[in-house]
């Protein structure tokens, strides 16, 4: 009986770690795509997780909320911050710091699938 519980616990830990890696990959793709749409450079080709908490999504289902930060630049010289919020593997919101450019800065928006 102890072996079964140990295996279940091990499986859950591995699943949680794998889902975190997959969510980070998705957030990185979203950040890169969003920066490309706004003609800015997605720096370092990565995101950094800042928050993790258990919450409920728009349908009131329990899910993990993860917040990722990324950096972008208009000319490669000055770095600006951005934030991606994810419910599970789905985008909740994305925000970017205002940056000097001829086009207006991106406004935050929310999207729930």
Protein backbone atom coordinates (compact mmCIF):
# COMPACT_ATOMS: atom_id res chain seq x y z
CA UNK A 1 0.00 0.00 0.00
CA UNK A 2 2.84 2.39 0.81
CA UNK A 3 4.45 1.74 -2.58
CA UNK A 4 1.22 2.64 -4.37
CA UNK A 5 0.88 5.92 -2.45
CA UNK A 6 4.54 6.71 -3.10
CA UNK A 7 4.09 6.06 -6.83
CA UNK A 8 0.96 8.22 -6.96
CA UNK A 9 2.72 11.04 -5.13
CA UNK A 10 5.76 10.72 -7.42
CA UNK A 11 3.50 10.78 -10.48
CA UNK A 12 1.72 13.91 -9.23
CA UNK A 13 5.00 15.72 -8.58
CA UNK A 14 6.34 14.81 -12.03
CA UNK A 15 3.05 15.86 -13.67
CA UNK A 16 3.10 19.21 -11.81
CA UNK A 17 6.69 19.92 -12.86
CA UNK A 18 6.01 18.92 -16.47
CA UNK A 19 2.88 21.10 -16.65
CA UNK A 20 4.90 24.05 -15.32
CA UNK A 21 7.52 23.58 -18.04
CA UNK A 22 4.82 23.32 -20.73
CA UNK A 23 3.04 26.43 -19.44
CA UNK A 24 6.31 28.36 -19.51
CA UNK A 25 6.87 27.30 -23.14
CA UNK A 26 3.38 28.49 -24.08
CA UNK A 27 3.90 31.81 -22.26
CA UNK A 28 7.20 32.29 -24.09
CA UNK A 29 5.49 31.69 -27.46
CA UNK A 30 2.72 34.14 -26.52
CA UNK A 31 5.24 36.80 -25.45
CA UNK A 32 7.28 36.42 -28.61
CA UNK A 33 4.19 36.58 -30.82
CA UNK A 34 2.81 39.61 -28.98
CA UNK A 35 6.11 41.46 -29.31
CA UNK A 36 6.25 40.66 -33.03
CA UNK A 37 2.72 42.05 -33.48
CA UNK A 38 3.79 45.32 -31.82
CA UNK A 39 7.12 45.58 -33.68
CA UNK A 40 9.32 45.30 -30.60
CA UNK A 41 12.11 42.85 -29.77
CA UNK A 42 11.35 39.99 -27.38
CA UNK A 43 14.55 39.90 -25.32
CA UNK A 44 16.41 36.86 -24.00
CA UNK A 45 13.88 34.52 -25.68
CA UNK A 46 12.45 33.55 -22.30
CA UNK A 47 9.98 34.39 -19.57
CA UNK A 48 10.38 34.21 -15.80
CA UNK A 49 7.65 32.88 -13.53
CA UNK A 50 6.87 35.32 -10.73
CA UNK A 51 3.63 34.00 -9.23
CA UNK A 52 1.99 30.64 -8.80
CA UNK A 53 -1.28 30.07 -7.00
CA UNK A 54 -4.29 27.83 -7.08
CA UNK A 55 -7.39 29.75 -8.19
CA UNK A 56 -10.56 29.45 -10.24
CA UNK A 57 -10.90 30.31 -13.90
CA UNK A 58 -13.82 32.13 -15.55
CA UNK A 59 -15.88 28.93 -15.48
CA UNK A 60 -15.22 28.55 -11.74
CA UNK A 61 -13.04 25.48 -12.31
CA UNK A 62 -9.95 25.15 -10.11
CA UNK A 63 -6.71 25.80 -11.99
CA UNK A 64 -3.19 27.07 -11.51
CA UNK A 65 -2.62 30.77 -12.13
CA UNK A 66 0.90 31.53 -13.25
CA UNK A 67 2.31 35.00 -13.86
CA UNK A 68 5.34 35.37 -16.11
CA UNK A 69 7.49 38.44 -16.70
CA UNK A 70 9.44 39.16 -19.84
CA UNK A 71 11.53 41.97 -21.26
CA UNK A 72 11.29 43.71 -24.61
CA UNK A 73 13.00 46.58 -26.38
CA UNK A 74 12.17 48.97 -29.18
CA UNK A 75 15.74 49.42 -30.38
CA UNK A 76 17.75 46.91 -28.37
CA UNK A 77 19.05 49.63 -26.06
CA UNK A 78 16.40 50.19 -23.39
CA UNK A 79 14.63 47.28 -21.71
CA UNK A 80 10.95 47.37 -20.84
CA UNK A 81 8.88 44.92 -18.80
CA UNK A 82 5.88 42.85 -19.77
CA UNK A 83 3.64 40.43 -17.86
CA UNK A 84 1.71 37.38 -19.03
CA UNK A 85 -1.01 35.86 -16.85
CA UNK A 86 -2.04 32.26 -17.53
CA UNK A 87 -4.94 30.13 -16.26
CA UNK A 88 -3.58 26.66 -16.76
CA UNK A 89 -2.41 26.64 -20.38
CA UNK A 90 -4.69 29.49 -21.44
CA UNK A 91 -3.87 33.18 -21.68
CA UNK A 92 -5.68 35.35 -19.16
CA UNK A 93 -3.96 38.68 -19.77
CA UNK A 94 -0.87 40.30 -21.18
CA UNK A 95 0.50 43.75 -20.35
CA UNK A 96 3.45 45.77 -21.54
CA UNK A 97 5.10 48.84 -20.06
CA UNK A 98 4.56 52.00 -22.09
CA UNK A 99 7.46 52.55 -24.45
CA UNK A 100 8.47 55.43 -26.73
CA UNK A 101 7.60 54.72 -30.31
CA UNK A 102 5.59 56.13 -33.18
CA UNK A 103 2.86 53.60 -32.53
CA UNK A 104 0.77 53.76 -29.35
CA UNK A 105 1.80 51.39 -26.55
CA UNK A 106 -0.03 48.14 -26.18
CA UNK A 107 -2.93 48.22 -23.79
CA UNK A 108 -3.57 45.29 -21.51
CA UNK A 109 -6.36 42.99 -22.51
CA UNK A 110 -7.97 39.91 -21.12
CA UNK A 111 -8.77 36.74 -22.92
CA UNK A 112 -10.22 33.62 -21.38
CA UNK A 113 -10.82 30.43 -23.31
